[in-house]
Amino acid sequence: SLRRSPDVTLRRGTTEVRIDGELARDPEGL
């Protein structure tokens, strides 16, 4: 929703995932 979409990193326990523009548009990746 943002004009400049920042990359976002989510972490739970030992798992860390970075969501960038490409991944945000990939339903299977999400």
ModelCIF file with pLDDT and N, C-alpha, C, O atoms, coordinates in Angstrom:
data_MODEL
#
_entry.id   MODEL 
#
_entity.id                         1 
_entity.type                       polymer 
_entity.pdbx_number_of_molecules   1 
#
_entity_poly.entity_id                      1 
_entity_poly.type                           'polypeptide(L)' 
_entity_poly.nstd_linkage                   no 
_entity_poly.nstd_monomer                   no 
_entity_poly.pdbx_seq_one_letter_code       SLRRSPDVTLRRGTTEVRIDGELARDPEGL 
_entity_poly.pdbx_seq_one_letter_code_can   SLRRSPDVTLRRGTTEVRIDGELARDPEGL 
_entity_poly.pdbx_strand_id                 A 
#
loop_
_entity_poly_seq.entity_id 
_entity_poly_seq.num 
_entity_poly_seq.mon_id 
_entity_poly_seq.hetero 
1 1  SER n 
1 2  LEU n 
1 3  ARG n 
1 4  ARG n 
1 5  SER n 
1 6  PRO n 
1 7  ASP n 
1 8  VAL n 
1 9  THR n 
1 10 LEU n 
1 11 ARG n 
1 12 ARG n 
1 13 GLY n 
1 14 THR n 
1 15 THR n 
1 16 GLU n 
1 17 VAL n 
1 18 ARG n 
1 19 ILE n 
1 20 ASP n 
1 21 GLY n 
1 22 GLU n 
1 23 LEU n 
1 24 ALA n 
1 25 ARG n 
1 26 ASP n 
1 27 PRO n 
1 28 GLU n 
1 29 GLY n 
1 30 LEU n 
#
_struct_asym.id          A 
_struct_asym.entity_id   1 
#
loop_
_ma_qa_metric.id 
_ma_qa_metric.mode 
_ma_qa_metric.name 
_ma_qa_metric.software_group_id 
_ma_qa_metric.type 
1 global pLDDT . pLDDT 
2 local  pLDDT . pLDDT 
#
_ma_qa_metric_global.metric_id      1 
_ma_qa_metric_global.metric_value   92.07 
_ma_qa_metric_global.model_id       1 
_ma_qa_metric_global.ordinal_id     1 
#
loop_
_ma_qa_metric_local.label_asym_id 
_ma_qa_metric_local.label_comp_id 
_ma_qa_metric_local.label_seq_id 
_ma_qa_metric_local.metric_id 
_ma_qa_metric_local.metric_value 
_ma_qa_metric_local.model_id 
_ma_qa_metric_local.ordinal_id 
A SER 1  2 93.00 1 1  
A LEU 2  2 90.00 1 2  
A ARG 3  2 87.00 1 3  
A ARG 4  2 85.00 1 4  
A SER 5  2 88.00 1 5  
A PRO 6  2 89.00 1 6  
A ASP 7  2 91.00 1 7  
A VAL 8  2 93.00 1 8  
A THR 9  2 94.00 1 9  
A LEU 10 2 94.00 1 10 
A ARG 11 2 94.00 1 11 
A ARG 12 2 92.00 1 12 
A GLY 13 2 90.00 1 13 
A THR 14 2 90.00 1 14 
A THR 15 2 93.00 1 15 
A GLU 16 2 94.00 1 16 
A VAL 17 2 94.00 1 17 
A ARG 18 2 94.00 1 18 
A ILE 19 2 94.00 1 19 
A ASP 20 2 92.00 1 20 
A GLY 21 2 90.00 1 21 
A GLU 22 2 92.00 1 22 
A LEU 23 2 93.00 1 23 
A ALA 24 2 91.00 1 24 
A ARG 25 2 92.00 1 25 
A ASP 26 2 95.00 1 26 
A PRO 27 2 94.00 1 27 
A GLU 28 2 96.00 1 28 
A GLY 29 2 95.00 1 29 
A LEU 30 2 93.00 1 30 
#
loop_
_atom_site.group_PDB 
_atom_site.id 
_atom_site.type_symbol 
_atom_site.label_atom_id 
_atom_site.label_alt_id 
_atom_site.label_comp_id 
_atom_site.label_asym_id 
_atom_site.label_entity_id 
_atom_site.label_seq_id 
_atom_site.pdbx_PDB_ins_code 
_atom_site.Cartn_x 
_atom_site.Cartn_y 
_atom_site.Cartn_z 
_atom_site.occupancy 
_atom_site.B_iso_or_equiv 
_atom_site.pdbx_formal_charge 
_atom_site.auth_seq_id 
_atom_site.auth_comp_id 
_atom_site.auth_asym_id 
_atom_site.auth_atom_id 
_atom_site.pdbx_PDB_model_num 
ATOM 1   N N  . SER A 1 1  ? 0.813  -1.219  0.000  1.00 93.00 ? 1  SER A N  1 
ATOM 2   C CA . SER A 1 1  ? 0.000  0.000   0.000  1.00 93.00 ? 1  SER A CA 1 
ATOM 3   C C  . SER A 1 1  ? 0.850  1.274   0.000  1.00 93.00 ? 1  SER A C  1 
ATOM 4   O O  . SER A 1 1  ? 0.340  2.370   -0.231 1.00 93.00 ? 1  SER A O  1 
ATOM 5   N N  . LEU A 1 2  ? 2.132  1.121   0.258  1.00 90.00 ? 2  LEU A N  1 
ATOM 6   C CA . LEU A 1 2  ? 3.021  2.276   0.369  1.00 90.00 ? 2  LEU A CA 1 
ATOM 7   C C  . LEU A 1 2  ? 3.570  2.702   -0.989 1.00 90.00 ? 2  LEU A C  1 
ATOM 8   O O  . LEU A 1 2  ? 3.735  1.884   -1.893 1.00 90.00 ? 2  LEU A O  1 
ATOM 9   N N  . ARG A 1 3  ? 3.845  3.983   -1.112 1.00 87.00 ? 3  ARG A N  1 
ATOM 10  C CA . ARG A 1 3  ? 4.428  4.504   -2.356 1.00 87.00 ? 3  ARG A CA 1 
ATOM 11  C C  . ARG A 1 3  ? 5.805  3.887   -2.581 1.00 87.00 ? 3  ARG A C  1 
ATOM 12  O O  . ARG A 1 3  ? 6.122  3.445   -3.685 1.00 87.00 ? 3  ARG A O  1 
ATOM 13  N N  . ARG A 1 4  ? 6.616  3.861   -1.535 1.00 85.00 ? 4  ARG A N  1 
ATOM 14  C CA . ARG A 1 4  ? 7.925  3.200   -1.584 1.00 85.00 ? 4  ARG A CA 1 
ATOM 15  C C  . ARG A 1 4  ? 7.851  2.009   -0.650 1.00 85.00 ? 4  ARG A C  1 
ATOM 16  O O  . ARG A 1 4  ? 7.907  2.160   0.570  1.00 85.00 ? 4  ARG A O  1 
ATOM 17  N N  . SER A 1 5  ? 7.728  0.854   -1.215 1.00 88.00 ? 5  SER A N  1 
ATOM 18  C CA . SER A 1 5  ? 7.529  -0.353  -0.422 1.00 88.00 ? 5  SER A CA 1 
ATOM 19  C C  . SER A 1 5  ? 8.857  -0.876  0.119  1.00 88.00 ? 5  SER A C  1 
ATOM 20  O O  . SER A 1 5  ? 9.705  -1.331  -0.648 1.00 88.00 ? 5  SER A O  1 
ATOM 21  N N  . PRO A 1 6  ? 9.037  -0.813  1.426  1.00 89.00 ? 6  PRO A N  1 
ATOM 22  C CA . PRO A 1 6  ? 10.292 -1.309  2.000  1.00 89.00 ? 6  PRO A CA 1 
ATOM 23  C C  . PRO A 1 6  ? 10.302 -2.836  2.073  1.00 89.00 ? 6  PRO A C  1 
ATOM 24  O O  . PRO A 1 6  ? 9.250  -3.473  2.125  1.00 89.00 ? 6  PRO A O  1 
ATOM 25  N N  . ASP A 1 7  ? 11.487 -3.401  2.077  1.00 91.00 ? 7  ASP A N  1 
ATOM 26  C CA . ASP A 1 7  ? 11.594 -4.835  2.334  1.00 91.00 ? 7  ASP A CA 1 
ATOM 27  C C  . ASP A 1 7  ? 11.298 -5.061  3.807  1.00 91.00 ? 7  ASP A C  1 
ATOM 28  O O  . ASP A 1 7  ? 11.619 -4.228  4.654  1.00 91.00 ? 7  ASP A O  1 
ATOM 29  N N  . VAL A 1 8  ? 10.682 -6.195  4.099  1.00 93.00 ? 8  VAL A N  1 
ATOM 30  C CA . VAL A 1 8  ? 10.271 -6.531  5.459  1.00 93.00 ? 8  VAL A CA 1 
ATOM 31  C C  . VAL A 1 8  ? 10.836 -7.908  5.795  1.00 93.00 ? 8  VAL A C  1 
ATOM 32  O O  . VAL A 1 8  ? 10.728 -8.841  5.000  1.00 93.00 ? 8  VAL A O  1 
ATOM 33  N N  . THR A 1 9  ? 11.433 -8.026  6.968  1.00 94.00 ? 9  THR A N  1 
ATOM 34  C CA . THR A 1 9  ? 11.953 -9.307  7.436  1.00 94.00 ? 9  THR A CA 1 
ATOM 35  C C  . THR A 1 9  ? 11.108 -9.764  8.616  1.00 94.00 ? 9  THR A C  1 
ATOM 36  O O  . THR A 1 9  ? 10.909 -9.022  9.577  1.00 94.00 ? 9  THR A O  1 
ATOM 37  N N  . LEU A 1 10 ? 10.613 -10.998 8.530  1.00 94.00 ? 10 LEU A N  1 
ATOM 38  C CA . LEU A 1 10 ? 9.836  -11.597 9.606  1.00 94.00 ? 10 LEU A CA 1 
ATOM 39  C C  . LEU A 1 10 ? 10.643 -12.731 10.205 1.00 94.00 ? 10 LEU A C  1 
ATOM 40  O O  . LEU A 1 10 ? 11.305 -13.489 9.496  1.00 94.00 ? 10 LEU A O  1 
ATOM 41  N N  . ARG A 1 11 ? 10.576 -12.833 11.532 1.00 94.00 ? 11 ARG A N  1 
ATOM 42  C CA . ARG A 1 11 ? 11.313 -13.892 12.210 1.00 94.00 ? 11 ARG A CA 1 
ATOM 43  C C  . ARG A 1 11 ? 10.453 -14.522 13.287 1.00 94.00 ? 11 ARG A C  1 
ATOM 44  O O  . ARG A 1 11 ? 9.845  -13.837 14.109 1.00 94.00 ? 11 ARG A O  1 
ATOM 45  N N  . ARG A 1 12 ? 10.419 -15.831 13.260 1.00 92.00 ? 12 ARG A N  1 
ATOM 46  C CA . ARG A 1 12 ? 9.777  -16.600 14.316 1.00 92.00 ? 12 ARG A CA 1 
ATOM 47  C C  . ARG A 1 12 ? 10.732 -17.723 14.678 1.00 92.00 ? 12 ARG A C  1 
ATOM 48  O O  . ARG A 1 12 ? 11.081 -18.561 13.847 1.00 92.00 ? 12 ARG A O  1 
ATOM 49  N N  . GLY A 1 13 ? 11.142 -17.722 15.925 1.00 90.00 ? 13 GLY A N  1 
ATOM 50  C CA . GLY A 1 13 ? 12.089 -18.739 16.367 1.00 90.00 ? 13 GLY A CA 1 
ATOM 51  C C  . GLY A 1 13 ? 13.358 -18.664 15.548 1.00 90.00 ? 13 GLY A C  1 
ATOM 52  O O  . GLY A 1 13 ? 14.007 -17.620 15.490 1.00 90.00 ? 13 GLY A O  1 
ATOM 53  N N  . THR A 1 14 ? 13.713 -19.764 14.917 1.00 90.00 ? 14 THR A N  1 
ATOM 54  C CA . THR A 1 14 ? 14.946 -19.835 14.143 1.00 90.00 ? 14 THR A CA 1 
ATOM 55  C C  . THR A 1 14 ? 14.734 -19.529 12.661 1.00 90.00 ? 14 THR A C  1 
ATOM 56  O O  . THR A 1 14 ? 15.690 -19.546 11.886 1.00 90.00 ? 14 THR A O  1 
ATOM 57  N N  . THR A 1 15 ? 13.507 -19.252 12.265 1.00 93.00 ? 15 THR A N  1 
ATOM 58  C CA . THR A 1 15 ? 13.197 -19.004 10.859 1.00 93.00 ? 15 THR A CA 1 
ATOM 59  C C  . THR A 1 15 ? 13.072 -17.517 10.598 1.00 93.00 ? 15 THR A C  1 
ATOM 60  O O  . THR A 1 15 ? 12.343 -16.807 11.291 1.00 93.00 ? 15 THR A O  1 
ATOM 61  N N  . GLU A 1 16 ? 13.798 -17.055 9.584  1.00 94.00 ? 16 GLU A N  1 
ATOM 62  C CA . GLU A 1 16 ? 13.768 -15.653 9.201  1.00 94.00 ? 16 GLU A CA 1 
ATOM 63  C C  . GLU A 1 16 ? 13.531 -15.570 7.705  1.00 94.00 ? 16 GLU A C  1 
ATOM 64  O O  . GLU A 1 16 ? 14.202 -16.246 6.924  1.00 94.00 ? 16 GLU A O  1 
ATOM 65  N N  . VAL A 1 17 ? 12.566 -14.731 7.301  1.00 94.00 ? 17 VAL A N  1 
ATOM 66  C CA . VAL A 1 17 ? 12.203 -14.610 5.899  1.00 94.00 ? 17 VAL A CA 1 
ATOM 67  C C  . VAL A 1 17 ? 12.124 -13.137 5.529  1.00 94.00 ? 17 VAL A C  1 
ATOM 68  O O  . VAL A 1 17 ? 11.533 -12.334 6.251  1.00 94.00 ? 17 VAL A O  1 
ATOM 69  N N  . ARG A 1 18 ? 12.724 -12.793 4.400  1.00 94.00 ? 18 ARG A N  1 
ATOM 70  C CA . ARG A 1 18 ? 12.691 -11.411 3.896  1.00 94.00 ? 18 ARG A CA 1 
ATOM 71  C C  . ARG A 1 18 ? 11.675 -11.327 2.766  1.00 94.00 ? 18 ARG A C  1 
ATOM 72  O O  . ARG A 1 18 ? 11.728 -12.100 1.809  1.00 94.00 ? 18 ARG A O  1 
ATOM 73  N N  . ILE A 1 19 ? 10.753 -10.381 2.887  1.00 94.00 ? 19 ILE A N  1 
ATOM 74  C CA . ILE A 1 19 ? 9.745  -10.182 1.854  1.00 94.00 ? 19 ILE A CA 1 
ATOM 75  C C  . ILE A 1 19 ? 10.101 -8.914  1.089  1.00 94.00 ? 19 ILE A C  1 
ATOM 76  O O  . ILE A 1 19 ? 10.075 -7.809  1.630  1.00 94.00 ? 19 ILE A O  1 
ATOM 77  N N  . ASP A 1 20 ? 10.433 -9.105  -0.179 1.00 92.00 ? 20 ASP A N  1 
ATOM 78  C CA . ASP A 1 20 ? 10.736 -7.981  -1.050 1.00 92.00 ? 20 ASP A CA 1 
ATOM 79  C C  . ASP A 1 20 ? 9.618  -7.865  -2.084 1.00 92.00 ? 20 ASP A C  1 
ATOM 80  O O  . ASP A 1 20 ? 8.627  -8.592  -2.011 1.00 92.00 ? 20 ASP A O  1 
ATOM 81  N N  . GLY A 1 21 ? 9.770  -6.969  -3.032 1.00 90.00 ? 21 GLY A N  1 
ATOM 82  C CA . GLY A 1 21 ? 8.731  -6.744  -4.036 1.00 90.00 ? 21 GLY A CA 1 
ATOM 83  C C  . GLY A 1 21 ? 8.390  -7.977  -4.836 1.00 90.00 ? 21 GLY A C  1 
ATOM 84  O O  . GLY A 1 21 ? 7.219  -8.242  -5.109 1.00 90.00 ? 21 GLY A O  1 
ATOM 85  N N  . GLU A 1 22 ? 9.400  -8.730  -5.214 1.00 92.00 ? 22 GLU A N  1 
ATOM 86  C CA . GLU A 1 22 ? 9.168  -9.931  -6.019 1.00 92.00 ? 22 GLU A CA 1 
ATOM 87  C C  . GLU A 1 22 ? 8.387  -10.978 -5.220 1.00 92.00 ? 22 GLU A C  1 
ATOM 88  O O  . GLU A 1 22 ? 7.411  -11.534 -5.723 1.00 92.00 ? 22 GLU A O  1 
ATOM 89  N N  . LEU A 1 23 ? 8.799  -11.244 -4.006 1.00 93.00 ? 23 LEU A N  1 
ATOM 90  C CA . LEU A 1 23 ? 8.118  -12.243 -3.185 1.00 93.00 ? 23 LEU A CA 1 
ATOM 91  C C  . LEU A 1 23 ? 6.703  -11.800 -2.834 1.00 93.00 ? 23 LEU A C  1 
ATOM 92  O O  . LEU A 1 23 ? 5.797  -12.631 -2.765 1.00 93.00 ? 23 LEU A O  1 
ATOM 93  N N  . ALA A 1 24 ? 6.500  -10.504 -2.612 1.00 91.00 ? 24 ALA A N  1 
ATOM 94  C CA . ALA A 1 24 ? 5.175  -9.994  -2.252 1.00 91.00 ? 24 ALA A CA 1 
ATOM 95  C C  . ALA A 1 24 ? 4.152  -10.226 -3.365 1.00 91.00 ? 24 ALA A C  1 
ATOM 96  O O  . ALA A 1 24 ? 2.949  -10.269 -3.108 1.00 91.00 ? 24 ALA A O  1 
ATOM 97  N N  . ARG A 1 25 ? 4.631  -10.373 -4.601 1.00 92.00 ? 25 ARG A N  1 
ATOM 98  C CA . ARG A 1 25 ? 3.737  -10.609 -5.745 1.00 92.00 ? 25 ARG A CA 1 
ATOM 99  C C  . ARG A 1 25 ? 3.634  -12.084 -6.124 1.00 92.00 ? 25 ARG A C  1 
ATOM 100 O O  . ARG A 1 25 ? 3.004  -12.417 -7.128 1.00 92.00 ? 25 ARG A O  1 
ATOM 101 N N  . ASP A 1 26 ? 4.233  -12.958 -5.350 1.00 95.00 ? 26 ASP A N  1 
ATOM 102 C CA . ASP A 1 26 ? 4.289  -14.386 -5.663 1.00 95.00 ? 26 ASP A CA 1 
ATOM 103 C C  . ASP A 1 26 ? 3.448  -15.185 -4.663 1.00 95.00 ? 26 ASP A C  1 
ATOM 104 O O  . ASP A 1 26 ? 3.926  -15.486 -3.569 1.00 95.00 ? 26 ASP A O  1 
ATOM 105 N N  . PRO A 1 27 ? 2.208  -15.533 -5.014 1.00 94.00 ? 27 PRO A N  1 
ATOM 106 C CA . PRO A 1 27 ? 1.343  -16.253 -4.076 1.00 94.00 ? 27 PRO A CA 1 
ATOM 107 C C  . PRO A 1 27 ? 1.950  -17.562 -3.563 1.00 94.00 ? 27 PRO A C  1 
ATOM 108 O O  . PRO A 1 27 ? 1.813  -17.894 -2.386 1.00 94.00 ? 27 PRO A O  1 
ATOM 109 N N  . GLU A 1 28 ? 2.613  -18.292 -4.439 1.00 96.00 ? 28 GLU A N  1 
ATOM 110 C CA . GLU A 1 28 ? 3.228  -19.558 -4.012 1.00 96.00 ? 28 GLU A CA 1 
ATOM 111 C C  . GLU A 1 28 ? 4.392  -19.296 -3.059 1.00 96.00 ? 28 GLU A C  1 
ATOM 112 O O  . GLU A 1 28 ? 4.574  -20.022 -2.081 1.00 96.00 ? 28 GLU A O  1 
ATOM 113 N N  . GLY A 1 29 ? 5.171  -18.268 -3.342 1.00 95.00 ? 29 GLY A N  1 
ATOM 114 C CA . GLY A 1 29 ? 6.266  -17.899 -2.444 1.00 95.00 ? 29 GLY A CA 1 
ATOM 115 C C  . GLY A 1 29 ? 5.751  -17.485 -1.080 1.00 95.00 ? 29 GLY A C  1 
ATOM 116 O O  . GLY A 1 29 ? 6.326  -17.860 -0.059 1.00 95.00 ? 29 GLY A O  1 
ATOM 117 N N  . LEU A 1 30 ? 4.667  -16.712 -1.052 1.00 93.00 ? 30 LEU A N  1 
ATOM 118 C CA . LEU A 1 30 ? 4.080  -16.303 0.224  1.00 93.00 ? 30 LEU A CA 1 
ATOM 119 C C  . LEU A 1 30 ? 3.525  -17.500 0.989  1.00 93.00 ? 30 LEU A C  1 
ATOM 120 O O  . LEU A 1 30 ? 2.993  -17.339 2.087  1.00 93.00 ? 30 LEU A O  1 
#
